[in-house]
């Protein structure tokens, strides 16, 4: 889990202003305001305008959220509507809660 004082740099990769991309941004903004108020920065990367950037972070599906900071790098794919999944992906839930949300193997 991240330190409560960590500053987050989040990069959201999208392909144009699609409904899914807009939903992902809106969902991310809502989550960040609730969980990281004043401790985050969101960079939106449109791969239609900058396709080379997909290779840098090994983006294979869209939309994809990448947590650049704090380390380690983490990724969450999709429209970010599943709040628990996003919180687990960003490592904002304590380990015990994260294990509760894991699917059995």
PDB file of N, CA and C in Angstrom:
ATOM      1  N   UNK A   1       0.839  -1.184   0.000  1.00  0.00           N
ATOM      2  CA  UNK A   1       0.000   0.000   0.000  1.00  0.00           C
ATOM      3  C   UNK A   1       0.880   1.241   0.000  1.00  0.00           C
ATOM      4  N   UNK A   2       0.398   2.293  -0.601  1.00  0.00           N
ATOM      5  CA  UNK A   2       1.149   3.538  -0.698  1.00  0.00           C
ATOM      6  C   UNK A   2       1.081   4.320   0.607  1.00  0.00           C
ATOM      7  N   UNK A   3       2.085   5.147   0.806  1.00  0.00           N
ATOM      8  CA  UNK A   3       2.132   6.042   1.950  1.00  0.00           C
ATOM      9  C   UNK A   3       1.024   7.088   1.788  1.00  0.00           C
ATOM     10  N   UNK A   4       0.334   7.462   2.869  1.00  0.00           N
ATOM     11  CA  UNK A   4      -0.753   8.439   2.768  1.00  0.00           C
ATOM     12  C   UNK A   4      -0.306   9.808   2.264  1.00  0.00           C
ATOM     13  N   UNK A   5       0.991  10.095   2.328  1.00  0.00           N
ATOM     14  CA  UNK A   5       1.490  11.389   1.871  1.00  0.00           C
ATOM     15  C   UNK A   5       2.037  11.347   0.446  1.00  0.00           C
ATOM     16  N   UNK A   6       2.011  10.190  -0.201  1.00  0.00           N
ATOM     17  CA  UNK A   6       2.542  10.076  -1.559  1.00  0.00           C
ATOM     18  C   UNK A   6       1.783  10.980  -2.522  1.00  0.00           C
ATOM     19  N   UNK A   7       2.518  11.513  -3.502  1.00  0.00           N
ATOM     20  CA  UNK A   7       1.927  12.289  -4.591  1.00  0.00           C
ATOM     21  C   UNK A   7       1.846  11.373  -5.805  1.00  0.00           C
ATOM     22  N   UNK A   8       0.715  11.364  -6.469  1.00  0.00           N
ATOM     23  CA  UNK A   8       0.474  10.444  -7.571  1.00  0.00           C
ATOM     24  C   UNK A   8       0.517  11.159  -8.911  1.00  0.00           C
ATOM     25  N   UNK A   9       1.270  10.600  -9.834  1.00  0.00           N
ATOM     26  CA  UNK A   9       1.235  11.039 -11.222  1.00  0.00           C
ATOM     27  C   UNK A   9       0.600   9.901 -11.999  1.00  0.00           C
ATOM     28  N   UNK A  10      -0.564  10.191 -12.554  1.00  0.00           N
ATOM     29  CA  UNK A  10      -1.360   9.191 -13.255  1.00  0.00           C
ATOM     30  C   UNK A  10      -1.455   9.576 -14.725  1.00  0.00           C
ATOM     31  N   UNK A  11      -1.270   8.600 -15.583  1.00  0.00           N
ATOM     32  CA  UNK A  11      -1.329   8.837 -17.022  1.00  0.00           C
ATOM     33  C   UNK A  11      -2.447   7.977 -17.597  1.00  0.00           C
ATOM     34  N   UNK A  12      -3.424   8.622 -18.226  1.00  0.00           N
ATOM     35  CA  UNK A  12      -4.556   7.914 -18.826  1.00  0.00           C
ATOM     36  C   UNK A  12      -4.388   7.911 -20.339  1.00  0.00           C
ATOM     37  N   UNK A  13      -4.219   6.715 -20.894  1.00  0.00           N
ATOM     38  CA  UNK A  13      -4.072   6.554 -22.340  1.00  0.00           C
ATOM     39  C   UNK A  13      -5.437   6.293 -22.955  1.00  0.00           C
ATOM     40  N   UNK A  14      -5.775   7.078 -23.982  1.00  0.00           N
ATOM     41  CA  UNK A  14      -7.046   6.941 -24.692  1.00  0.00           C
ATOM     42  C   UNK A  14      -6.787   7.039 -26.195  1.00  0.00           C
ATOM     43  N   UNK A  15      -7.825   6.762 -26.983  1.00  0.00           N
ATOM     44  CA  UNK A  15      -7.743   6.928 -28.438  1.00  0.00           C
ATOM     45  C   UNK A  15      -8.895   7.827 -28.861  1.00  0.00           C
ATOM     46  N   UNK A  16      -8.669   9.118 -28.789  1.00  0.00           N
ATOM     47  CA  UNK A  16      -9.705  10.080 -29.144  1.00  0.00           C
ATOM     48  C   UNK A  16     -10.684  10.319 -28.009  1.00  0.00           C
ATOM     49  N   UNK A  17     -11.683  11.149 -28.302  1.00  0.00           N
ATOM     50  CA  UNK A  17     -12.688  11.536 -27.305  1.00  0.00           C
ATOM     51  C   UNK A  17     -13.911  10.633 -27.413  1.00  0.00           C
ATOM     52  N   UNK A  18     -13.706   9.345 -27.233  1.00  0.00           N
ATOM     53  CA  UNK A  18     -14.807   8.387 -27.293  1.00  0.00           C
ATOM     54  C   UNK A  18     -15.581   8.397 -25.980  1.00  0.00           C
ATOM     55  N   UNK A  19     -16.768   7.804 -26.009  1.00  0.00           N
ATOM     56  CA  UNK A  19     -17.575   7.716 -24.787  1.00  0.00           C
ATOM     57  C   UNK A  19     -16.823   6.956 -23.698  1.00  0.00           C
ATOM     58  N   UNK A  20     -16.107   5.904 -24.085  1.00  0.00           N
ATOM     59  CA  UNK A  20     -15.351   5.108 -23.109  1.00  0.00           C
ATOM     60  C   UNK A  20     -14.201   5.925 -22.510  1.00  0.00           C
ATOM     61  N   UNK A  21     -13.530   6.714 -23.336  1.00  0.00           N
ATOM     62  CA  UNK A  21     -12.426   7.547 -22.853  1.00  0.00           C
ATOM     63  C   UNK A  21     -12.936   8.619 -21.897  1.00  0.00           C
ATOM     64  N   UNK A  22     -14.042   9.236 -22.243  1.00  0.00           N
ATOM     65  CA  UNK A  22     -14.619  10.277 -21.390  1.00  0.00           C
ATOM     66  C   UNK A  22     -15.085   9.676 -20.067  1.00  0.00           C
ATOM     67  N   UNK A  23     -15.710   8.500 -20.133  1.00  0.00           N
ATOM     68  CA  UNK A  23     -16.148   7.821 -18.905  1.00  0.00           C
ATOM     69  C   UNK A  23     -14.953   7.480 -18.027  1.00  0.00           C
ATOM     70  N   UNK A  24     -13.880   6.986 -18.637  1.00  0.00           N
ATOM     71  CA  UNK A  24     -12.680   6.636 -17.867  1.00  0.00           C
ATOM     72  C   UNK A  24     -12.123   7.868 -17.160  1.00  0.00           C
ATOM     73  N   UNK A  25     -12.042   8.993 -17.869  1.00  0.00           N
ATOM     74  CA  UNK A  25     -11.522  10.219 -17.255  1.00  0.00           C
ATOM     75  C   UNK A  25     -12.431  10.673 -16.114  1.00  0.00           C
ATOM     76  N   UNK A  26     -13.731  10.699 -16.361  1.00  0.00           N
ATOM     77  CA  UNK A  26     -14.671  11.130 -15.318  1.00  0.00           C
ATOM     78  C   UNK A  26     -14.591  10.226 -14.089  1.00  0.00           C
ATOM     79  N   UNK A  27     -14.535   8.915 -14.315  1.00  0.00           N
ATOM     80  CA  UNK A  27     -14.427   7.969 -13.200  1.00  0.00           C
ATOM     81  C   UNK A  27     -13.125   8.170 -12.436  1.00  0.00           C
ATOM     82  N   UNK A  28     -12.032   8.362 -13.167  1.00  0.00           N
ATOM     83  CA  UNK A  28     -10.733   8.578 -12.528  1.00  0.00           C
ATOM     84  C   UNK A  28     -10.746   9.855 -11.695  1.00  0.00           C
ATOM     85  N   UNK A  29     -11.278  10.919 -12.241  1.00  0.00           N
ATOM     86  CA  UNK A  29     -11.337  12.198 -11.527  1.00  0.00           C
ATOM     87  C   UNK A  29     -12.146  12.051 -10.228  1.00  0.00           C
ATOM     88  N   UNK A  30     -13.261  11.349 -10.296  1.00  0.00           N
ATOM     89  CA  UNK A  30     -14.097  11.129  -9.111  1.00  0.00           C
ATOM     90  C   UNK A  30     -13.338  10.343  -8.046  1.00  0.00           C
ATOM     91  N   UNK A  31     -12.666   9.282  -8.466  1.00  0.00           N
ATOM     92  CA  UNK A  31     -11.888   8.458  -7.529  1.00  0.00           C
ATOM     93  C   UNK A  31     -10.761   9.274  -6.906  1.00  0.00           C
ATOM     94  N   UNK A  32     -10.054  10.029  -7.731  1.00  0.00           N
ATOM     95  CA  UNK A  32      -8.925  10.823  -7.223  1.00  0.00           C
ATOM     96  C   UNK A  32      -9.382  11.892  -6.243  1.00  0.00           C
ATOM     97  N   UNK A  33     -10.493  12.545  -6.536  1.00  0.00           N
ATOM     98  CA  UNK A  33     -10.998  13.567  -5.617  1.00  0.00           C
ATOM     99  C   UNK A  33     -11.401  12.951  -4.282  1.00  0.00           C
ATOM    100  N   UNK A  34     -11.916  11.735  -4.309  1.00  0.00           N
ATOM    101  CA  UNK A  34     -12.335  11.074  -3.071  1.00  0.00           C
ATOM    102  C   UNK A  34     -11.161  10.508  -2.290  1.00  0.00           C
ATOM    103  N   UNK A  35     -10.158   9.978  -2.983  1.00  0.00           N
ATOM    104  CA  UNK A  35      -9.079   9.240  -2.319  1.00  0.00           C
ATOM    105  C   UNK A  35      -7.743   9.976  -2.258  1.00  0.00           C
ATOM    106  N   UNK A  36      -7.505  10.906  -3.181  1.00  0.00           N
ATOM    107  CA  UNK A  36      -6.179  11.533  -3.290  1.00  0.00           C
ATOM    108  C   UNK A  36      -6.250  13.054  -3.336  1.00  0.00           C
ATOM    109  N   UNK A  37      -7.282  13.636  -2.832  1.00  0.00           N
ATOM    110  CA  UNK A  37      -7.507  15.081  -2.961  1.00  0.00           C
ATOM    111  C   UNK A  37      -6.234  15.886  -2.694  1.00  0.00           C
ATOM    112  N   UNK A  38      -5.839  16.669  -3.699  1.00  0.00           N
ATOM    113  CA  UNK A  38      -4.664  17.520  -3.572  1.00  0.00           C
ATOM    114  C   UNK A  38      -3.335  16.803  -3.721  1.00  0.00           C
ATOM    115  N   UNK A  39      -3.362  15.497  -4.021  1.00  0.00           N
ATOM    116  CA  UNK A  39      -2.113  14.726  -4.088  1.00  0.00           C
ATOM    117  C   UNK A  39      -1.982  13.970  -5.410  1.00  0.00           C
ATOM    118  N   UNK A  40      -2.539  14.527  -6.470  1.00  0.00           N
ATOM    119  CA  UNK A  40      -2.467  13.807  -7.735  1.00  0.00           C
ATOM    120  C   UNK A  40      -2.411  14.758  -8.925  1.00  0.00           C
ATOM    121  N   UNK A  41      -1.927  14.205 -10.019  1.00  0.00           N
ATOM    122  CA  UNK A  41      -1.884  14.900 -11.301  1.00  0.00           C
ATOM    123  C   UNK A  41      -2.293  13.872 -12.349  1.00  0.00           C
ATOM    124  N   UNK A  42      -3.198  14.256 -13.243  1.00  0.00           N
ATOM    125  CA  UNK A  42      -3.639  13.355 -14.311  1.00  0.00           C
ATOM    126  C   UNK A  42      -3.137  13.899 -15.640  1.00  0.00           C
ATOM    127  N   UNK A  43      -2.425  13.055 -16.382  1.00  0.00           N
ATOM    128  CA  UNK A  43      -2.001  13.382 -17.744  1.00  0.00           C
ATOM    129  C   UNK A  43      -2.835  12.515 -18.681  1.00  0.00           C
ATOM    130  N   UNK A  44      -3.526  13.121 -19.637  1.00  0.00           N
ATOM    131  CA  UNK A  44      -4.288  12.352 -20.615  1.00  0.00           C
ATOM    132  C   UNK A  44      -3.470  12.306 -21.898  1.00  0.00           C
ATOM    133  N   UNK A  45      -3.194  11.090 -22.360  1.00  0.00           N
ATOM    134  CA  UNK A  45      -2.404  10.880 -23.568  1.00  0.00           C
ATOM    135  C   UNK A  45      -3.326  10.308 -24.638  1.00  0.00           C
ATOM    136  N   UNK A  46      -3.542  11.074 -25.702  1.00  0.00           N
ATOM    137  CA  UNK A  46      -4.362  10.611 -26.821  1.00  0.00           C
ATOM    138  C   UNK A  46      -3.440   9.937 -27.827  1.00  0.00           C
ATOM    139  N   UNK A  47      -3.572   8.630 -27.945  1.00  0.00           N
ATOM    140  CA  UNK A  47      -2.677   7.873 -28.820  1.00  0.00           C
ATOM    141  C   UNK A  47      -2.965   8.093 -30.298  1.00  0.00           C
ATOM    142  N   UNK A  48      -4.093   8.711 -30.625  1.00  0.00           N
ATOM    143  CA  UNK A  48      -4.325   9.092 -32.017  1.00  0.00           C
ATOM    144  C   UNK A  48      -3.395  10.237 -32.403  1.00  0.00           C
ATOM    145  N   UNK A  49      -3.055  11.073 -31.434  1.00  0.00           N
ATOM    146  CA  UNK A  49      -2.146  12.197 -31.669  1.00  0.00           C
ATOM    147  C   UNK A  49      -0.691  11.823 -31.424  1.00  0.00           C
ATOM    148  N   UNK A  50      -0.430  10.916 -30.489  1.00  0.00           N
ATOM    149  CA  UNK A  50       0.933  10.525 -30.107  1.00  0.00           C
ATOM    150  C   UNK A  50       1.067   9.006 -30.037  1.00  0.00           C
ATOM    151  N   UNK A  51       0.974   8.301 -31.154  1.00  0.00           N
ATOM    152  CA  UNK A  51       0.992   6.828 -31.104  1.00  0.00           C
ATOM    153  C   UNK A  51       2.292   6.228 -30.574  1.00  0.00           C
ATOM    154  N   UNK A  52       3.411   6.934 -30.719  1.00  0.00           N
ATOM    155  CA  UNK A  52       4.695   6.404 -30.242  1.00  0.00           C
ATOM    156  C   UNK A  52       4.724   6.236 -28.726  1.00  0.00           C
ATOM    157  N   UNK A  53       3.922   7.021 -28.029  1.00  0.00           N
ATOM    158  CA  UNK A  53       3.916   6.949 -26.565  1.00  0.00           C
ATOM    159  C   UNK A  53       3.356   5.624 -26.053  1.00  0.00           C
ATOM    160  N   UNK A  54       2.584   4.932 -26.863  1.00  0.00           N
ATOM    161  CA  UNK A  54       2.039   3.632 -26.445  1.00  0.00           C
ATOM    162  C   UNK A  54       3.160   2.633 -26.206  1.00  0.00           C
ATOM    163  N   UNK A  55       4.191   2.702 -26.997  1.00  0.00           N
ATOM    164  CA  UNK A  55       5.307   1.770 -26.870  1.00  0.00           C
ATOM    165  C   UNK A  55       6.071   1.994 -25.569  1.00  0.00           C
ATOM    166  N   UNK A  56       6.244   3.239 -25.169  1.00  0.00           N
ATOM    167  CA  UNK A  56       7.014   3.557 -23.959  1.00  0.00           C
ATOM    168  C   UNK A  56       6.466   2.851 -22.719  1.00  0.00           C
ATOM    169  N   UNK A  57       5.149   2.861 -22.562  1.00  0.00           N
ATOM    170  CA  UNK A  57       4.532   2.237 -21.386  1.00  0.00           C
ATOM    171  C   UNK A  57       3.894   0.896 -21.723  1.00  0.00           C
ATOM    172  N   UNK A  58       4.193   0.367 -22.901  1.00  0.00           N
ATOM    173  CA  UNK A  58       3.693  -0.943 -23.338  1.00  0.00           C
ATOM    174  C   UNK A  58       2.173  -1.032 -23.209  1.00  0.00           C
ATOM    175  N   UNK A  59       1.491  -0.092 -23.836  1.00  0.00           N
ATOM    176  CA  UNK A  59       0.036  -0.040 -23.812  1.00  0.00           C
ATOM    177  C   UNK A  59      -0.512  -0.972 -24.889  1.00  0.00           C
ATOM    178  N   UNK A  60      -1.364  -1.913 -24.487  1.00  0.00           N
ATOM    179  CA  UNK A  60      -1.921  -2.878 -25.434  1.00  0.00           C
ATOM    180  C   UNK A  60      -3.446  -2.804 -25.526  1.00  0.00           C
ATOM    181  N   UNK A  61      -4.097  -2.078 -24.631  1.00  0.00           N
ATOM    182  CA  UNK A  61      -5.551  -1.930 -24.643  1.00  0.00           C
ATOM    183  C   UNK A  61      -5.889  -0.519 -24.172  1.00  0.00           C
ATOM    184  N   UNK A  62      -7.053  -0.034 -24.575  1.00  0.00           N
ATOM    185  CA  UNK A  62      -7.466   1.318 -24.207  1.00  0.00           C
ATOM    186  C   UNK A  62      -8.891   1.295 -23.665  1.00  0.00           C
ATOM    187  N   UNK A  63      -9.207   2.209 -22.771  1.00  0.00           N
ATOM    188  CA  UNK A  63      -8.284   3.101 -22.072  1.00  0.00           C
ATOM    189  C   UNK A  63      -7.448   2.339 -21.042  1.00  0.00           C
ATOM    190  N   UNK A  64      -6.240   2.848 -20.806  1.00  0.00           N
ATOM    191  CA  UNK A  64      -5.347   2.282 -19.799  1.00  0.00           C
ATOM    192  C   UNK A  64      -4.869   3.397 -18.880  1.00  0.00           C
ATOM    193  N   UNK A  65      -4.945   3.146 -17.591  1.00  0.00           N
ATOM    194  CA  UNK A  65      -4.422   4.065 -16.583  1.00  0.00           C
ATOM    195  C   UNK A  65      -3.078   3.537 -16.111  1.00  0.00           C
ATOM    196  N   UNK A  66      -2.068   4.399 -16.118  1.00  0.00           N
ATOM    197  CA  UNK A  66      -0.739   4.029 -15.639  1.00  0.00           C
ATOM    198  C   UNK A  66      -0.394   4.929 -14.463  1.00  0.00           C
ATOM    199  N   UNK A  67      -0.030   4.307 -13.348  1.00  0.00           N
ATOM    200  CA  UNK A  67       0.474   5.072 -12.205  1.00  0.00           C
ATOM    201  C   UNK A  67       1.976   5.185 -12.388  1.00  0.00           C
ATOM    202  N   UNK A  68       2.444   6.393 -12.741  1.00  0.00           N
ATOM    203  CA  UNK A  68       3.873   6.637 -12.940  1.00  0.00           C
ATOM    204  C   UNK A  68       4.583   6.801 -11.604  1.00  0.00           C
ATOM    205  N   UNK A  69       3.983   7.567 -10.715  1.00  0.00           N
ATOM    206  CA  UNK A  69       4.514   7.778  -9.370  1.00  0.00           C
ATOM    207  C   UNK A  69       3.377   7.659  -8.382  1.00  0.00           C
ATOM    208  N   UNK A  70       3.614   7.158  -7.202  1.00  0.00           N
ATOM    209  CA  UNK A  70       4.872   6.616  -6.704  1.00  0.00           C
ATOM    210  C   UNK A  70       5.168   5.251  -7.332  1.00  0.00           C
ATOM    211  N   UNK A  71       6.451   4.918  -7.332  1.00  0.00           N
ATOM    212  CA  UNK A  71       6.881   3.624  -7.853  1.00  0.00           C
ATOM    213  C   UNK A  71       6.340   2.528  -6.941  1.00  0.00           C
ATOM    214  N   UNK A  72       6.116   1.343  -7.439  1.00  0.00           N
ATOM    215  CA  UNK A  72       6.363   0.878  -8.793  1.00  0.00           C
ATOM    216  C   UNK A  72       5.219   1.254  -9.731  1.00  0.00           C
ATOM    217  N   UNK A  73       5.510   1.228 -11.025  1.00  0.00           N
ATOM    218  CA  UNK A  73       4.522   1.505 -12.043  1.00  0.00           C
ATOM    219  C   UNK A  73       3.394   0.475 -11.940  1.00  0.00           C
ATOM    220  N   UNK A  74       2.163   0.944 -12.051  1.00  0.00           N
ATOM    221  CA  UNK A  74       0.982   0.066 -11.983  1.00  0.00           C
ATOM    222  C   UNK A  74       0.056   0.419 -13.134  1.00  0.00           C
ATOM    223  N   UNK A  75      -0.719  -0.563 -13.630  1.00  0.00           N
ATOM    224  CA  UNK A  75      -1.648  -0.331 -14.739  1.00  0.00           C
ATOM    225  C   UNK A  75      -3.029  -0.868 -14.400  1.00  0.00           C
ATOM    226  N   UNK A  76      -4.039  -0.139 -14.883  1.00  0.00           N
ATOM    227  CA  UNK A  76      -5.428  -0.573 -14.784  1.00  0.00           C
ATOM    228  C   UNK A  76      -6.046  -0.331 -16.158  1.00  0.00           C
ATOM    229  N   UNK A  77      -6.686  -1.358 -16.718  1.00  0.00           N
ATOM    230  CA  UNK A  77      -7.276  -1.258 -18.049  1.00  0.00           C
ATOM    231  C   UNK A  77      -8.791  -1.197 -17.931  1.00  0.00           C
ATOM    232  N   UNK A  78      -9.412  -0.344 -18.751  1.00  0.00           N
ATOM    233  CA  UNK A  78     -10.869  -0.280 -18.805  1.00  0.00           C
ATOM    234  C   UNK A  78     -11.390   1.111 -18.515  1.00  0.00           C
ATOM    235  N   UNK A  79     -12.714   1.212 -18.350  1.00  0.00           N
ATOM    236  CA  UNK A  79     -13.334   2.528 -18.161  1.00  0.00           C
ATOM    237  C   UNK A  79     -13.280   3.026 -16.718  1.00  0.00           C
ATOM    238  N   UNK A  80     -12.654   2.259 -15.837  1.00  0.00           N
ATOM    239  CA  UNK A  80     -12.416   2.635 -14.438  1.00  0.00           C
ATOM    240  C   UNK A  80     -13.704   2.796 -13.640  1.00  0.00           C
ATOM    241  N   UNK A  81     -14.770   2.127 -14.074  1.00  0.00           N
ATOM    242  CA  UNK A  81     -16.044   2.219 -13.362  1.00  0.00           C
ATOM    243  C   UNK A  81     -16.090   1.331 -12.122  1.00  0.00           C
ATOM    244  N   UNK A  82     -15.225   0.336 -12.045  1.00  0.00           N
ATOM    245  CA  UNK A  82     -15.156  -0.550 -10.878  1.00  0.00           C
ATOM    246  C   UNK A  82     -14.181   0.070  -9.877  1.00  0.00           C
ATOM    247  N   UNK A  83     -14.725   0.818  -8.937  1.00  0.00           N
ATOM    248  CA  UNK A  83     -13.906   1.603  -8.007  1.00  0.00           C
ATOM    249  C   UNK A  83     -12.937   0.722  -7.227  1.00  0.00           C
ATOM    250  N   UNK A  84     -13.406  -0.402  -6.709  1.00  0.00           N
ATOM    251  CA  UNK A  84     -12.528  -1.277  -5.929  1.00  0.00           C
ATOM    252  C   UNK A  84     -11.356  -1.770  -6.766  1.00  0.00           C
ATOM    253  N   UNK A  85     -11.634  -2.128  -8.021  1.00  0.00           N
ATOM    254  CA  UNK A  85     -10.577  -2.608  -8.912  1.00  0.00           C
ATOM    255  C   UNK A  85      -9.528  -1.518  -9.157  1.00  0.00           C
ATOM    256  N   UNK A  86      -9.990  -0.286  -9.311  1.00  0.00           N
ATOM    257  CA  UNK A  86      -9.062   0.829  -9.515  1.00  0.00           C
ATOM    258  C   UNK A  86      -8.239   1.062  -8.253  1.00  0.00           C
ATOM    259  N   UNK A  87      -8.883   1.042  -7.096  1.00  0.00           N
ATOM    260  CA  UNK A  87      -8.165   1.253  -5.834  1.00  0.00           C
ATOM    261  C   UNK A  87      -7.128   0.162  -5.600  1.00  0.00           C
ATOM    262  N   UNK A  88      -7.485  -1.073  -5.933  1.00  0.00           N
ATOM    263  CA  UNK A  88      -6.520  -2.167  -5.811  1.00  0.00           C
ATOM    264  C   UNK A  88      -5.391  -1.964  -6.807  1.00  0.00           C
ATOM    265  N   UNK A  89      -5.734  -1.618  -8.043  1.00  0.00           N
ATOM    266  CA  UNK A  89      -4.724  -1.406  -9.076  1.00  0.00           C
ATOM    267  C   UNK A  89      -3.751  -0.295  -8.732  1.00  0.00           C
ATOM    268  N   UNK A  90      -4.239   0.736  -8.087  1.00  0.00           N
ATOM    269  CA  UNK A  90      -3.377   1.854  -7.677  1.00  0.00           C
ATOM    270  C   UNK A  90      -2.726   1.609  -6.324  1.00  0.00           C
ATOM    271  N   UNK A  91      -3.029   0.483  -5.716  1.00  0.00           N
ATOM    272  CA  UNK A  91      -2.542   0.104  -4.389  1.00  0.00           C
ATOM    273  C   UNK A  91      -2.950   1.118  -3.327  1.00  0.00           C
ATOM    274  N   UNK A  92      -4.223   1.496  -3.352  1.00  0.00           N
ATOM    275  CA  UNK A  92      -4.754   2.420  -2.353  1.00  0.00           C
ATOM    276  C   UNK A  92      -5.536   1.710  -1.256  1.00  0.00           C
ATOM    277  N   UNK A  93      -5.760   0.412  -1.411  1.00  0.00           N
ATOM    278  CA  UNK A  93      -6.442  -0.368  -0.380  1.00  0.00           C
ATOM    279  C   UNK A  93      -5.417  -1.121   0.442  1.00  0.00           C
ATOM    280  N   UNK A  94      -5.654  -1.273   1.744  1.00  0.00           N
ATOM    281  CA  UNK A  94      -4.770  -2.123   2.537  1.00  0.00           C
ATOM    282  C   UNK A  94      -4.786  -3.537   1.970  1.00  0.00           C
ATOM    283  N   UNK A  95      -3.698  -4.255   2.143  1.00  0.00           N
ATOM    284  CA  UNK A  95      -3.558  -5.606   1.597  1.00  0.00           C
ATOM    285  C   UNK A  95      -4.736  -6.508   1.992  1.00  0.00           C
ATOM    286  N   UNK A  96      -5.186  -6.426   3.226  1.00  0.00           N
ATOM    287  CA  UNK A  96      -6.283  -7.297   3.670  1.00  0.00           C
ATOM    288  C   UNK A  96      -7.558  -7.022   2.882  1.00  0.00           C
ATOM    289  N   UNK A  97      -7.856  -5.760   2.596  1.00  0.00           N
ATOM    290  CA  UNK A  97      -9.038  -5.432   1.799  1.00  0.00           C
ATOM    291  C   UNK A  97      -8.841  -5.842   0.352  1.00  0.00           C
ATOM    292  N   UNK A  98      -7.646  -5.653  -0.174  1.00  0.00           N
ATOM    293  CA  UNK A  98      -7.368  -6.027  -1.561  1.00  0.00           C
ATOM    294  C   UNK A  98      -7.578  -7.520  -1.752  1.00  0.00           C
ATOM    295  N   UNK A  99      -7.184  -8.323  -0.784  1.00  0.00           N
ATOM    296  CA  UNK A  99      -7.350  -9.773  -0.897  1.00  0.00           C
ATOM    297  C   UNK A  99      -8.827 -10.150  -0.891  1.00  0.00           C
ATOM    298  N   UNK A 100      -9.649  -9.372  -0.221  1.00  0.00           N
ATOM    299  CA  UNK A 100     -11.083  -9.619  -0.205  1.00  0.00           C
ATOM    300  C   UNK A 100     -11.676  -9.497  -1.602  1.00  0.00           C
ATOM    301  N   UNK A 101     -11.134  -8.572  -2.412  1.00  0.00           N
ATOM    302  CA  UNK A 101     -11.674  -8.322  -3.741  1.00  0.00           C
ATOM    303  C   UNK A 101     -11.075  -9.220  -4.813  1.00  0.00           C
ATOM    304  N   UNK A 102     -10.024  -9.975  -4.502  1.00  0.00           N
ATOM    305  CA  UNK A 102      -9.399 -10.853  -5.488  1.00  0.00           C
ATOM    306  C   UNK A 102     -10.311 -12.011  -5.832  1.00  0.00           C
ATOM    307  N   UNK A 103     -10.298 -12.374  -7.091  1.00  0.00           N
ATOM    308  CA  UNK A 103     -11.061 -13.549  -7.524  1.00  0.00           C
ATOM    309  C   UNK A 103     -10.311 -14.803  -7.122  1.00  0.00           C
ATOM    310  N   UNK A 104     -11.026 -15.853  -6.722  1.00  0.00           N
ATOM    311  CA  UNK A 104     -10.339 -17.111  -6.406  1.00  0.00           C
ATOM    312  C   UNK A 104      -9.739 -17.706  -7.667  1.00  0.00           C
ATOM    313  N   UNK A 105      -8.600 -18.343  -7.505  1.00  0.00           N
ATOM    314  CA  UNK A 105      -7.899 -18.922  -8.660  1.00  0.00           C
ATOM    315  C   UNK A 105      -8.319 -20.361  -8.832  1.00  0.00           C
TER     316      UNK A 105
END
